[in-house]
Amino acid sequence: MTKTRRIHALAAAFLAIASPAFAQDALIKAGDTVAFLGDSITEGGAGHPAGYVRRVESGLEANGMKIHVVGAGISGHKSNQMLERLDRDVLKKKPTWMTLSCGVNDVWHGANGVPLPEYKKNITEIVDKAQAAGIKVMLLTSTVIGEDLDNANNAKLKEYNDFLRTLAKEKNCRFADLNADMQAILKDKKSKELRLTSDGVHMNPLGDRVMAAGILKEFGLNPKQLETANDHWYHAPKTCQLNGEIKLSLKQYEQLQDLADSKGVSLHALVQEEASKAVLKLIEPAK
């Protein structure tokens, strides 16, 4: 089994994991408005069809639940900046739900980041204000800072994610442990090639799917509904973009990754090589 197929198998297994929410109807309803508050991962997640925000939206629609999306992700933002713009970007939009993805930049930016005590204060205030406005909150653990799970940034990020777990219980928030989901998949990989991110932090189409699946699971979709969403993502045409121009389905993206693996090169190196060959063939004189 190729590396990508292992990831696909793990993702399928993850979708089938039962949770207490499966015993009831989905917590989200058709017509609900969901605000996605976050940083560049969320901004990108709402900005293209393969992004996790759009996967959540399309996965729900595939199950007959059309929602309204408020994209509230801004590249580079940390917890203090999200708190500052909460009223403008979320509360005034009066969403039914808010998902909060925050922590990567607070850690990743080092001396310009946000120390844990201040992060705790900022996130608690964001949750309190949202709940006071009648908004249901789902906290998302921050994903990864490099796919080397043992690096210093990921070790530091663990403290931030541990706080989110505690806060979710204290404030009765829904909680999607996306970091744990990604780690379960990344621990299975057999090479140093990036598998779920484009640069170690920002999601590729496979990473976006993991994020979206984790959120839908926490929204209470049952295994059949999750499978329906995954099938829709897998076959929807032109949702995964390569090199800024090439648009593929998720299935085609995985097939291309498998081919790159078999050749021992990165996906983007393979695409660049084959594109160069195609261009040269176009301009070669006919024999």
Protein backbone atom coordinates (compact mmCIF):
# COMPACT_ATOMS: atom_id res chain seq x y z
CA MET A 1 0.00 0.00 0.00
CA THR A 2 1.41 3.42 -0.96
CA LYS A 3 1.94 6.19 1.59
CA THR A 4 -1.01 8.19 0.28
CA ARG A 5 -3.27 5.15 0.32
CA ARG A 6 -2.28 4.57 3.94
CA ILE A 7 -3.31 8.14 4.71
CA HIS A 8 -6.59 7.61 2.86
CA ALA A 9 -7.20 4.39 4.80
CA LEU A 10 -6.45 6.14 8.08
CA ALA A 11 -8.78 8.98 7.14
CA ALA A 12 -11.53 6.50 6.32
CA ALA A 13 -10.98 4.74 9.64
CA PHE A 14 -11.08 8.09 11.42
CA LEU A 15 -14.42 8.91 9.79
CA ALA A 16 -15.86 5.68 11.12
CA ILE A 17 -14.84 6.24 14.76
CA ALA A 18 -17.96 6.44 16.91
CA SER A 19 -18.48 9.29 19.35
CA PRO A 20 -21.24 10.19 21.83
CA ALA A 21 -22.59 12.75 19.38
CA PHE A 22 -23.55 9.96 16.98
CA ALA A 23 -26.33 8.89 19.33
CA GLN A 24 -28.28 12.05 18.57
CA ASP A 25 -29.23 14.17 15.58
CA ALA A 26 -26.56 16.47 14.18
CA LEU A 27 -26.03 19.52 16.35
CA ILE A 28 -25.86 21.79 13.33
CA LYS A 29 -28.95 22.49 11.27
CA ALA A 30 -29.74 23.66 7.75
CA GLY A 31 -29.85 27.44 7.72
CA ASP A 32 -27.35 27.88 10.56
CA THR A 33 -24.60 30.45 10.16
CA VAL A 34 -21.09 29.38 11.11
CA ALA A 35 -18.29 31.89 11.67
CA PHE A 36 -14.79 30.45 11.27
CA LEU A 37 -12.39 32.59 13.33
CA GLY A 38 -8.71 31.99 12.77
CA ASP A 39 -5.44 32.81 11.05
CA SER A 40 -4.02 32.04 7.58
CA ILE A 41 -5.04 28.38 7.81
CA THR A 42 -8.64 29.53 8.18
CA GLU A 43 -8.29 32.32 5.63
CA GLY A 44 -7.02 29.75 3.13
CA GLY A 45 -9.63 27.30 4.35
CA ALA A 46 -12.35 29.67 3.18
CA GLY A 47 -10.53 30.98 0.13
CA HIS A 48 -10.46 27.91 -2.12
CA PRO A 49 -12.72 24.89 -2.72
CA ALA A 50 -10.32 22.40 -1.10
CA GLY A 51 -10.01 24.49 2.07
CA TYR A 52 -11.33 23.05 5.31
CA VAL A 53 -14.01 25.73 5.68
CA ARG A 54 -15.40 24.99 2.23
CA ARG A 55 -15.11 21.25 2.87
CA VAL A 56 -17.24 21.67 6.00
CA GLU A 57 -19.76 23.66 4.00
CA SER A 58 -19.90 21.23 1.07
CA GLY A 59 -19.86 18.17 3.34
CA LEU A 60 -22.93 19.45 5.16
CA GLU A 61 -24.64 20.38 1.89
CA ALA A 62 -24.02 16.84 0.58
CA ASN A 63 -26.08 15.72 3.57
CA GLY A 64 -28.91 18.15 2.90
CA MET A 65 -27.77 20.86 5.32
CA LYS A 66 -26.99 24.12 3.57
CA ILE A 67 -25.36 26.59 5.95
CA HIS A 68 -24.16 30.18 5.73
CA VAL A 69 -20.42 30.73 6.17
CA VAL A 70 -18.68 33.72 7.70
CA GLY A 71 -14.99 33.55 6.89
CA ALA A 72 -13.10 35.29 9.70
CA GLY A 73 -9.53 34.13 9.14
CA ILE A 74 -6.70 36.65 8.70
CA SER A 75 -3.16 35.62 7.86
CA GLY A 76 -0.64 36.06 10.66
CA HIS A 77 -3.18 36.75 13.36
CA LYS A 78 -2.71 35.67 16.95
CA SER A 79 -5.08 35.45 19.91
CA ASN A 80 -4.77 39.13 20.85
CA GLN A 81 -5.65 40.26 17.32
CA MET A 82 -8.59 37.85 17.09
CA LEU A 83 -9.91 39.22 20.38
CA GLU A 84 -9.58 42.80 19.10
CA ARG A 85 -11.65 42.09 15.97
CA LEU A 86 -14.11 39.61 17.49
CA ASP A 87 -16.99 42.07 17.61
CA ARG A 88 -16.51 43.30 14.04
CA ASP A 89 -15.78 39.98 12.36
CA VAL A 90 -17.97 37.59 14.36
CA LEU A 91 -20.39 39.02 16.92
CA LYS A 92 -21.94 41.61 14.60
CA LYS A 93 -22.60 38.83 12.04
CA LYS A 94 -24.78 37.03 14.64
CA PRO A 95 -23.74 33.47 13.73
CA THR A 96 -25.29 30.36 15.24
CA TRP A 97 -21.86 28.80 15.69
CA MET A 98 -18.26 29.96 15.89
CA THR A 99 -15.27 27.70 15.41
CA LEU A 100 -12.00 29.03 16.81
CA SER A 101 -8.63 27.99 15.38
CA CYS A 102 -5.89 29.89 17.19
CA GLY A 103 -2.45 29.08 18.53
CA VAL A 104 -0.06 28.36 15.68
CA ASN A 105 1.09 31.97 15.32
CA ASP A 106 1.07 32.56 19.08
CA VAL A 107 3.80 29.89 19.26
CA TRP A 108 5.41 30.02 15.81
CA HIS A 109 6.16 33.75 15.94
CA GLY A 110 8.58 33.23 18.83
CA ALA A 111 9.45 36.52 20.54
CA ASN A 112 6.64 38.20 18.60
CA GLY A 113 4.15 35.53 19.64
CA VAL A 114 1.81 35.43 22.61
CA PRO A 115 2.99 33.82 25.88
CA LEU A 116 0.78 31.10 27.32
CA PRO A 117 -0.67 33.15 30.22
CA GLU A 118 -1.78 35.92 27.85
CA TYR A 119 -3.05 33.36 25.34
CA LYS A 120 -5.22 31.79 28.04
CA LYS A 121 -6.67 35.18 28.93
CA ASN A 122 -7.37 36.10 25.29
CA ILE A 123 -9.00 32.80 24.36
CA THR A 124 -11.12 32.74 27.52
CA GLU A 125 -12.37 36.25 26.76
CA ILE A 126 -13.18 35.31 23.16
CA VAL A 127 -15.22 32.32 24.34
CA ASP A 128 -16.98 34.29 27.08
CA LYS A 129 -17.98 37.10 24.72
CA ALA A 130 -19.20 34.71 22.05
CA GLN A 131 -21.27 32.68 24.50
CA ALA A 132 -22.68 35.84 26.08
CA ALA A 133 -23.90 36.78 22.60
CA GLY A 134 -25.71 33.43 22.33
CA ILE A 135 -23.19 31.89 19.92
CA LYS A 136 -22.33 28.19 20.23
CA VAL A 137 -18.56 27.69 20.30
CA MET A 138 -16.38 24.90 18.95
CA LEU A 139 -12.71 25.02 19.91
CA LEU A 140 -10.19 23.46 17.53
CA THR A 141 -6.76 22.41 18.69
CA SER A 142 -4.00 24.02 16.66
CA THR A 143 -2.69 21.63 14.03
CA VAL A 144 1.10 21.29 13.70
CA ILE A 145 4.12 23.54 13.28
CA GLY A 146 6.19 21.32 11.01
CA GLU A 147 5.43 17.68 10.34
CA ASP A 148 8.39 16.73 12.54
CA LEU A 149 6.17 16.12 15.56
CA ASP A 150 9.06 16.12 18.05
CA ASN A 151 10.38 19.59 17.24
CA ALA A 152 10.50 22.42 19.81
CA ASN A 153 7.53 24.33 18.38
CA ASN A 154 5.23 21.31 18.55
CA ALA A 155 6.37 20.61 22.10
CA LYS A 156 5.52 24.19 23.08
CA LEU A 157 2.22 24.06 21.18
CA LYS A 158 1.15 21.11 23.30
CA GLU A 159 0.73 23.39 26.34
CA TYR A 160 -1.57 25.67 24.36
CA ASN A 161 -3.65 22.75 23.13
CA ASP A 162 -3.83 21.26 26.63
CA PHE A 163 -5.33 24.54 27.80
CA LEU A 164 -7.96 24.39 25.04
CA ARG A 165 -8.99 20.91 26.19
CA THR A 166 -9.46 22.20 29.74
CA LEU A 167 -11.30 25.33 28.64
CA ALA A 168 -13.68 23.37 26.43
CA LYS A 169 -14.77 21.33 29.44
CA GLU A 170 -15.09 24.37 31.69
CA LYS A 171 -17.11 26.39 29.19
CA ASN A 172 -19.11 23.47 27.74
CA CYS A 173 -17.76 24.05 24.23
CA ARG A 174 -17.66 21.52 21.44
CA PHE A 175 -14.08 20.39 20.96
CA ALA A 176 -12.39 19.07 17.81
CA ASP A 177 -8.91 17.71 18.55
CA LEU A 178 -7.47 18.27 15.08
CA ASN A 179 -3.90 18.13 16.34
CA ALA A 180 -4.45 14.59 17.63
CA ASP A 181 -6.11 13.60 14.35
CA MET A 182 -3.16 14.88 12.33
CA GLN A 183 -0.59 13.29 14.62
CA ALA A 184 -2.29 9.90 14.26
CA ILE A 185 -1.82 10.12 10.49
CA LEU A 186 1.64 11.68 10.47
CA LYS A 187 3.06 9.06 12.83
CA ASP A 188 2.27 6.48 10.15
CA LYS A 189 4.24 8.17 7.37
CA LYS A 190 7.48 6.50 6.31
CA SER A 191 9.37 9.40 4.71
CA LYS A 192 10.24 13.04 5.27
CA GLU A 193 7.97 14.18 2.44
CA LEU A 194 5.18 16.50 3.59
CA ARG A 195 1.85 14.69 3.70
CA LEU A 196 -0.81 16.98 5.18
CA THR A 197 0.70 20.42 4.70
CA SER A 198 2.26 22.39 1.88
CA ASP A 199 5.04 23.87 4.02
CA GLY A 200 4.80 22.19 7.40
CA VAL A 201 2.04 24.51 8.63
CA HIS A 202 -0.51 25.40 5.95
CA MET A 203 -2.79 22.62 4.79
CA ASN A 204 -2.65 20.79 1.49
CA PRO A 205 -5.91 19.17 0.27
CA LEU A 206 -5.34 16.08 2.42
CA GLY A 207 -4.78 18.17 5.55
CA ASP A 208 -7.85 20.26 4.84
CA ARG A 209 -9.88 17.06 4.61
CA VAL A 210 -8.64 15.92 8.02
CA MET A 211 -9.61 19.27 9.53
CA ALA A 212 -13.06 19.30 7.91
CA ALA A 213 -13.77 15.70 8.93
CA GLY A 214 -12.86 16.45 12.54
CA ILE A 215 -15.19 19.44 12.61
CA LEU A 216 -18.10 17.58 11.01
CA LYS A 217 -17.62 14.73 13.46
CA GLU A 218 -17.83 17.19 16.35
CA PHE A 219 -20.94 18.73 14.82
CA GLY A 220 -22.49 15.32 15.42
CA LEU A 221 -22.64 13.84 11.93
CA ASN A 222 -23.03 10.07 12.09
CA PRO A 223 -20.69 7.63 10.28
CA LYS A 224 -22.96 7.39 7.24
CA GLN A 225 -23.16 11.17 6.94
CA LEU A 226 -19.39 11.47 7.30
CA GLU A 227 -18.94 8.89 4.56
CA THR A 228 -21.32 10.85 2.34
CA ALA A 229 -19.28 14.01 2.94
CA ASN A 230 -16.00 12.23 2.24
CA ASP A 231 -17.32 10.70 -0.99
CA HIS A 232 -18.44 14.14 -2.13
CA TRP A 233 -15.02 15.65 -1.38
CA TYR A 234 -13.23 12.77 -3.04
CA HIS A 235 -14.99 13.04 -6.39
CA ALA A 236 -15.83 16.76 -6.68
CA PRO A 237 -13.94 17.97 -9.79
CA LYS A 238 -11.41 20.81 -9.88
CA THR A 239 -11.30 21.41 -6.12
CA CYS A 240 -7.59 20.72 -5.60
CA GLN A 241 -5.18 23.15 -7.23
CA LEU A 242 -1.54 22.48 -8.14
CA ASN A 243 1.04 25.06 -9.18
CA GLY A 244 -1.65 27.71 -9.26
CA GLU A 245 -3.27 26.38 -12.43
CA ILE A 246 -3.90 22.62 -12.47
CA LYS A 247 -7.24 21.73 -10.90
CA LEU A 248 -7.98 18.18 -9.79
CA SER A 249 -10.43 16.21 -7.73
CA LEU A 250 -9.18 14.91 -4.39
CA LYS A 251 -9.11 11.43 -5.93
CA GLN A 252 -6.90 12.66 -8.78
CA TYR A 253 -4.67 14.51 -6.30
CA GLU A 254 -4.13 11.29 -4.36
CA GLN A 255 -3.42 9.35 -7.55
CA LEU A 256 -0.80 11.91 -8.54
CA GLN A 257 0.75 11.71 -5.06
CA ASP A 258 0.97 7.93 -5.45
CA LEU A 259 2.77 8.34 -8.78
CA ALA A 260 5.22 10.80 -7.25
CA ASP A 261 5.88 8.34 -4.42
CA SER A 262 6.59 5.55 -6.88
CA LYS A 263 9.17 7.77 -8.62
CA GLY A 264 10.74 8.91 -5.38
CA VAL A 265 10.08 12.62 -6.01
CA SER A 266 7.82 15.25 -4.51
CA LEU A 267 4.42 15.85 -6.02
CA HIS A 268 5.32 19.36 -7.18
CA ALA A 269 8.62 18.21 -8.66
CA LEU A 270 6.75 15.58 -10.67
CA VAL A 271 4.21 18.12 -11.94
CA GLN A 272 6.98 20.57 -12.89
CA GLU A 273 8.91 17.88 -14.76
CA GLU A 274 5.88 16.65 -16.69
CA ALA A 275 4.74 20.20 -17.49
CA SER A 276 8.20 21.00 -18.89
CA LYS A 277 8.09 17.89 -21.07
CA ALA A 278 4.65 18.85 -22.36
CA VAL A 279 5.74 22.38 -23.26
CA LEU A 280 8.87 21.14 -25.04
CA LYS A 281 6.79 18.66 -26.99
CA LEU A 282 4.49 21.48 -28.12
CA ILE A 283 7.33 23.55 -29.56
CA GLU A 284 9.44 20.75 -31.01
CA PRO A 285 9.32 20.71 -34.81
CA ALA A 286 7.23 17.89 -36.23
CA LYS A 287 9.35 15.03 -37.47
